[in-house]
Protein backbone atom coordinates (compact mmCIF):
# COMPACT_ATOMS: atom_id res chain seq x y z
CA MET A 1 75.32 150.24 123.92
CA ARG A 2 74.26 153.02 121.54
CA LEU A 3 77.92 153.51 120.55
CA PHE A 4 78.92 149.84 120.80
CA LEU A 5 76.65 148.58 118.00
CA PRO A 6 77.84 151.04 115.30
CA LEU A 7 81.49 150.51 116.19
CA ALA A 8 81.17 146.71 116.32
CA THR A 9 79.32 146.71 112.99
CA LEU A 10 82.01 148.92 111.43
CA VAL A 11 84.76 146.59 112.69
CA ALA A 12 82.92 143.53 111.32
CA LEU A 13 82.41 145.15 107.89
CA LEU A 14 86.04 146.27 107.68
CA PHE A 15 87.20 142.78 108.72
CA ILE A 16 85.20 141.27 105.85
CA ALA A 17 86.55 143.94 103.49
CA SER A 18 90.09 143.17 104.67
CA LEU A 19 89.53 139.52 103.74
CA THR A 20 88.20 140.31 100.27
CA VAL A 21 90.39 143.24 99.14
CA GLY A 22 93.73 142.36 97.64
CA SER A 23 95.84 142.11 94.50
CA THR A 24 93.66 139.17 93.39
CA ALA A 25 89.94 139.89 93.11
CA ILE A 26 88.00 137.16 94.95
CA PRO A 27 84.18 137.31 95.24
CA VAL A 28 82.96 137.70 98.82
CA GLY A 29 81.13 134.37 98.91
CA GLU A 30 84.06 132.43 97.48
CA ALA A 31 86.48 134.20 99.80
CA LEU A 32 84.44 133.37 102.90
CA ARG A 33 84.04 129.74 101.79
CA GLY A 34 87.82 129.55 101.34
CA LEU A 35 88.30 130.34 105.02
CA PHE A 36 86.68 127.07 106.05
CA GLY A 37 88.71 124.66 103.94
CA GLY A 38 88.94 123.25 100.46
CA ASP A 39 91.69 122.83 97.91
CA GLY A 40 93.15 125.29 95.46
CA VAL A 41 94.56 128.78 95.41
CA VAL A 42 91.64 130.61 97.06
CA PRO A 43 91.65 128.65 100.35
CA MET A 44 95.44 129.01 100.54
CA VAL A 45 95.30 132.79 99.94
CA MET A 46 92.49 133.24 102.46
CA GLN A 47 93.89 131.05 105.24
CA GLU A 48 97.60 131.77 104.93
CA ILE A 49 97.74 135.38 103.73
CA ARG A 50 94.57 137.41 104.22
CA LEU A 51 93.20 135.94 107.45
CA PRO A 52 96.42 136.48 109.48
CA ARG A 53 96.71 139.99 108.04
CA ALA A 54 93.13 140.90 108.99
CA ILE A 55 93.46 139.44 112.50
CA LEU A 56 96.73 141.26 113.15
CA ALA A 57 95.43 144.59 111.79
CA ALA A 58 92.33 144.39 114.01
CA SER A 59 94.20 143.26 117.13
CA LEU A 60 97.01 145.80 116.64
CA GLY A 61 94.50 148.61 116.27
CA ALA A 62 92.56 147.45 119.32
CA SER A 63 95.78 147.28 121.36
CA LEU A 64 96.90 150.78 120.37
CA GLY A 65 93.48 152.36 120.82
CA LEU A 66 92.85 150.70 124.19
CA SER A 67 96.35 151.48 125.46
CA GLY A 68 96.09 155.11 124.36
CA ALA A 69 92.79 155.58 126.18
CA ALA A 70 94.19 153.92 129.32
CA MET A 71 97.34 156.07 129.28
CA GLN A 72 95.36 159.28 128.78
CA GLY A 73 92.98 158.31 131.57
CA TYR A 74 95.73 157.43 134.04
CA LEU A 75 97.92 160.45 133.32
CA ARG A 76 94.89 162.73 132.86
CA ASN A 77 96.65 164.11 129.81
CA PRO A 78 95.01 164.03 126.35
CA LEU A 79 98.47 164.06 124.73
CA ALA A 80 99.54 160.79 126.35
CA GLU A 81 99.90 157.76 124.09
CA PRO A 82 101.41 154.23 124.34
CA GLY A 83 104.83 155.27 123.06
CA LEU A 84 105.21 157.65 126.00
CA ILE A 85 106.41 154.89 128.33
CA GLY A 86 109.00 153.63 125.85
CA VAL A 87 107.48 150.20 125.15
CA SER A 88 107.18 150.75 121.39
CA GLY A 89 110.69 152.16 121.08
CA SER A 90 112.18 149.35 123.16
CA ALA A 91 110.37 146.69 121.14
CA ALA A 92 111.68 148.34 117.97
CA LEU A 93 115.21 148.30 119.43
CA GLY A 94 114.93 144.56 120.08
CA ALA A 95 113.83 143.97 116.50
CA VAL A 96 116.65 146.15 115.16
CA ILE A 97 119.24 144.16 117.15
CA ALA A 98 117.74 140.91 115.84
CA LEU A 99 118.05 142.16 112.25
CA GLN A 100 121.44 143.80 112.68
CA TYR A 101 123.19 140.79 114.18
CA GLY A 102 121.47 138.09 112.17
CA ILE A 103 119.41 136.73 115.08
CA ALA A 104 116.26 137.12 112.96
CA GLY A 105 117.63 134.53 110.54
CA LEU A 106 118.01 131.79 113.15
CA PHE A 107 114.30 130.86 113.11
CA GLY A 108 111.03 132.41 111.96
CA LEU A 109 109.88 134.00 115.22
CA ALA A 110 113.28 135.21 116.46
CA LEU A 111 112.54 138.84 115.53
CA PRO A 112 109.18 139.20 117.32
CA LEU A 113 110.52 137.31 120.34
CA MET A 114 113.44 139.74 120.63
CA ALA A 115 111.04 142.67 120.34
CA LEU A 116 108.84 141.22 123.09
CA LEU A 117 111.86 140.67 125.33
CA PHE A 118 112.94 144.30 125.01
CA ALA A 119 109.38 145.54 125.65
CA LEU A 120 109.40 143.53 128.89
CA LEU A 121 112.79 144.99 129.84
CA ALA A 122 111.38 148.50 129.27
CA VAL A 123 108.55 147.85 131.75
CA LEU A 124 110.97 146.49 134.34
CA LEU A 125 113.16 149.59 133.92
CA ILE A 126 110.17 151.90 134.28
CA LEU A 127 109.05 150.14 137.45
CA GLY A 128 112.59 150.35 138.81
CA LEU A 129 113.04 154.03 137.94
CA ALA A 130 109.58 155.17 139.04
CA GLY A 131 109.76 153.23 142.31
CA PRO A 132 106.88 151.66 144.21
CA ARG A 133 105.31 155.00 145.17
CA GLY A 134 106.18 157.05 142.10
CA GLY A 135 103.41 159.28 140.79
CA SER A 136 102.29 159.99 137.25
CA LEU A 137 104.99 162.64 136.70
CA THR A 138 107.72 160.17 137.68
CA LEU A 139 106.21 157.59 135.33
CA ILE A 140 106.22 160.06 132.43
CA LEU A 141 109.83 161.09 133.06
CA ALA A 142 110.98 157.46 133.31
CA GLY A 143 109.11 156.60 130.09
CA ILE A 144 110.58 159.56 128.22
CA ALA A 145 114.09 158.63 129.35
CA ILE A 146 113.69 154.99 128.24
CA SER A 147 112.07 156.02 124.95
CA ALA A 148 114.92 158.45 124.23
CA LEU A 149 117.53 155.84 125.09
CA ALA A 150 115.87 153.21 122.89
CA GLY A 151 115.66 155.70 120.02
CA ALA A 152 119.32 156.67 120.42
CA LEU A 153 120.46 153.03 120.47
CA THR A 154 118.35 152.28 117.39
CA SER A 155 119.93 155.22 115.54
CA LEU A 156 123.38 154.07 116.69
CA ALA A 157 122.76 150.57 115.30
CA LEU A 158 121.75 152.07 111.96
CA ASN A 159 124.69 154.46 112.00
CA LEU A 160 127.30 151.77 112.69
CA SER A 161 125.81 149.09 110.47
CA GLN A 162 128.11 147.94 107.67
CA ASN A 163 125.48 145.72 106.10
CA PRO A 164 123.28 147.72 103.69
CA TYR A 165 120.79 144.84 103.45
CA ALA A 166 120.32 144.85 107.22
CA VAL A 167 119.77 148.63 107.18
CA TYR A 168 117.20 148.20 104.39
CA GLU A 169 115.35 145.54 106.37
CA ILE A 170 115.45 147.63 109.56
CA LEU A 171 114.07 150.74 107.86
CA PHE A 172 111.25 148.83 106.21
CA TRP A 173 110.38 147.01 109.44
CA MET A 174 110.26 150.28 111.36
CA MET A 175 107.69 151.68 108.90
CA GLY A 176 105.16 149.13 110.21
CA SER A 177 103.21 146.54 108.25
CA VAL A 178 100.94 143.53 108.74
CA ALA A 179 101.64 142.16 105.26
CA ASP A 180 103.40 138.82 104.80
CA ARG A 181 102.54 137.66 108.31
CA SER A 182 101.44 134.11 109.06
CA MET A 183 99.27 132.37 111.62
CA HIS A 184 102.50 131.71 113.56
CA HIS A 185 102.76 135.45 114.17
CA VAL A 186 99.11 135.53 115.21
CA ALA A 187 99.65 132.59 117.60
CA LEU A 188 102.63 134.38 119.16
CA ALA A 189 101.16 137.88 119.51
CA LEU A 190 97.42 137.43 120.03
CA PRO A 191 97.52 135.58 123.39
CA ILE A 192 99.92 138.19 124.82
CA MET A 193 97.80 141.04 123.48
CA ALA A 194 94.71 139.39 124.98
CA ILE A 195 96.42 139.36 128.39
CA GLY A 196 97.11 143.07 127.97
CA TRP A 197 93.48 143.75 127.01
CA ALA A 198 92.23 141.84 130.05
CA LEU A 199 94.50 143.81 132.40
CA LEU A 200 93.57 147.17 130.89
CA ALA A 201 89.86 146.30 131.04
CA THR A 202 90.17 146.05 134.84
CA THR A 203 91.41 149.65 135.12
CA GLY A 204 88.09 151.28 134.17
CA ARG A 205 86.79 151.93 137.69
CA GLY A 206 90.15 153.27 138.85
CA LEU A 207 90.46 155.59 135.84
CA ASP A 208 86.95 156.92 136.46
CA ALA A 209 87.92 157.67 140.05
CA LEU A 210 91.17 159.36 138.96
CA THR A 211 89.19 162.04 137.13
CA LEU A 212 88.55 163.44 140.62
CA GLY A 213 92.28 163.44 141.48
CA GLU A 214 94.65 160.98 143.15
CA ASP A 215 93.62 161.85 146.70
CA ALA A 216 89.93 161.42 145.89
CA ALA A 217 90.61 158.14 144.10
CA GLU A 218 92.44 156.76 147.14
CA ALA A 219 89.57 157.92 149.36
CA LEU A 220 87.21 155.90 147.14
CA GLY A 221 89.29 152.78 147.80
CA ILE A 222 91.41 152.73 144.65
CA ASN A 223 94.87 151.20 145.09
CA LEU A 224 96.89 153.50 142.83
CA ARG A 225 100.00 151.33 143.01
CA ALA A 226 98.08 148.25 141.84
CA LEU A 227 96.32 150.33 139.18
CA ARG A 228 99.62 151.60 137.81
CA LEU A 229 101.09 148.09 137.75
CA ARG A 230 98.10 146.68 135.85
CA LEU A 231 98.25 149.57 133.41
CA LEU A 232 101.98 149.28 132.73
CA ILE A 233 101.93 145.52 132.26
CA GLY A 234 98.75 145.74 130.17
CA VAL A 235 100.16 148.39 127.84
CA ALA A 236 103.47 146.53 127.57
CA ALA A 237 101.74 143.25 126.70
CA ALA A 238 99.28 144.74 124.22
CA VAL A 239 101.55 147.26 122.48
CA GLY A 240 104.78 145.28 122.85
CA ALA A 241 103.26 142.19 121.22
CA GLY A 242 101.71 144.29 118.46
CA THR A 243 104.95 146.14 117.73
CA ALA A 244 106.84 142.85 117.81
CA VAL A 245 104.93 141.42 114.85
CA ALA A 246 103.91 144.57 112.94
CA GLY A 247 106.62 147.15 113.56
CA ALA A 248 106.02 150.74 114.61
CA VAL A 249 102.55 152.14 113.85
CA GLY A 250 101.87 155.57 115.30
CA PHE A 251 99.02 158.00 115.95
CA VAL A 252 96.34 155.36 116.67
CA GLY A 253 96.60 155.55 120.46
CA LEU A 254 96.69 159.35 120.31
CA VAL A 255 93.98 160.15 117.75
CA VAL A 256 91.28 157.51 118.38
CA PRO A 257 90.60 158.42 122.06
CA HIS A 258 90.48 162.10 121.03
CA ILE A 259 87.83 161.40 118.39
CA LEU A 260 85.67 159.24 120.65
CA ARG A 261 86.03 161.14 123.94
CA PRO A 262 83.20 163.67 123.27
CA ILE A 263 80.86 160.85 122.16
CA THR A 264 81.52 158.80 125.31
CA GLY A 265 80.96 161.73 127.63
CA ALA A 266 84.68 161.73 128.52
CA LYS A 267 84.13 158.75 130.84
CA PRO A 268 87.41 156.74 130.88
CA SER A 269 85.82 153.32 131.46
CA THR A 270 83.55 153.76 128.43
CA LEU A 271 86.35 155.24 126.36
CA LEU A 272 88.47 152.11 126.89
CA TRP A 273 86.31 149.68 124.92
CA ALA A 274 85.22 152.36 122.45
CA SER A 275 88.86 153.17 121.65
CA ALA A 276 89.65 149.46 121.25
CA LEU A 277 86.93 149.11 118.61
CA GLY A 278 87.79 152.46 117.03
CA GLY A 279 91.48 151.58 116.86
CA ALA A 280 90.71 148.22 115.24
CA ALA A 281 88.52 149.95 112.64
CA LEU A 282 91.10 152.66 111.89
CA VAL A 283 94.05 150.28 111.41
CA MET A 284 92.02 147.88 109.25
CA ALA A 285 90.82 150.82 107.12
CA ALA A 286 94.43 152.02 106.74
CA ASP A 287 95.59 148.52 105.81
CA ILE A 288 92.86 148.30 103.15
CA LEU A 289 94.06 151.65 101.77
CA VAL A 290 97.59 150.24 101.59
CA ARG A 291 96.31 147.59 99.17
CA VAL A 292 94.05 149.94 97.19
CA ILE A 293 96.19 153.08 96.72
CA LEU A 294 99.38 151.47 95.36
CA PRO A 295 98.68 147.75 94.88
CA THR A 296 101.93 147.18 92.97
CA LYS A 297 104.11 148.97 95.56
CA ASP A 298 105.09 147.84 99.02
CA LEU A 299 103.39 150.77 100.74
CA LYS A 300 103.75 150.48 104.51
CA LEU A 301 100.94 150.64 107.05
CA GLY A 302 102.84 152.97 109.36
CA VAL A 303 103.31 155.50 106.54
CA VAL A 304 99.60 155.51 105.64
CA MET A 305 98.63 155.69 109.31
CA ALA A 306 100.85 158.74 109.79
CA LEU A 307 99.34 160.39 106.70
CA ILE A 308 95.85 159.78 108.13
CA GLY A 309 96.65 160.44 111.78
CA ALA A 310 98.63 163.68 111.51
CA PRO A 311 95.91 165.67 109.63
CA LEU A 312 93.24 164.27 111.97
CA PHE A 313 95.25 165.35 114.99
CA LEU A 314 95.88 168.81 113.52
CA HIS A 315 92.14 169.16 112.89
CA LEU A 316 91.41 168.18 116.50
CA ILE A 317 93.90 170.78 117.75
CA TYR A 318 92.30 173.47 115.57
CA LYS A 319 88.80 172.46 116.71
CA THR A 320 89.86 172.53 120.37
CA ARG A 321 91.41 175.96 119.96
CA ARG A 322 88.23 177.35 118.39
CA GLU A 323 86.10 175.95 121.20
CA MET A 324 88.35 177.57 123.81
CA ASN A 325 88.11 181.01 122.17
């Protein structure tokens, strides 16, 4: 509770800031009134542009942070992150195919639906490759193989593309962004992400037990096969849906659990919800920076997140090395 209140307050403040910061300066009171109806430009901007953007930034960050903490807890590896099992790369491949072959132009949600479909296929492949009794090492190897294959096929699509406009769209989509999204995107992604959150929330007890080792966890009554299934489907739903509507955004699932782990006492069940709130805060802060740093340029969220995440991660590595010496 001592950690929950500061994180929840930070998320609430950043959500309000996300609603009020933009190319058009709108007073806080007027902006908040515009959310609840009325006529004119302000209600339209708030309800159709800023509110979907804020919701998607918060939910994407929560999905990445929660999934990263769950993956690190299950694999007992602080370098694990959601992209390790290939869901992000597969979702990106689905979006690339939709853009490359004009499927995205058929109807508004064709692109995110294709990305979701490929994320689901990635999970099915992982389950098939890892087998019903596959351990964490098998899961990692299967995820790396699928991630590498998805990356290679994405590069192949870019390499063979004869449409420069499609390549331009693909590259910009892969940089990640929650700009220019509507409530239709929220309605598509948020319920699927919520299913993923609910599944990952049930893994807390099992992840706590896994800190003692797989044999000890089984002795405590943990069904490792069921735990792995809930984790895989939860990560696929949360991260796949987020990637489907926002593109590729990295470092959140890797950095946020690292930052919060010492504060939570390295307890996986506590780290889950803390990383969800921390991830939401980090992505919303990065999205606000996107609008503040270069308001006239189409600066992408994924680029800013990498510029924030990489130095943070390097600092954590340096700090860890000093503590070990």
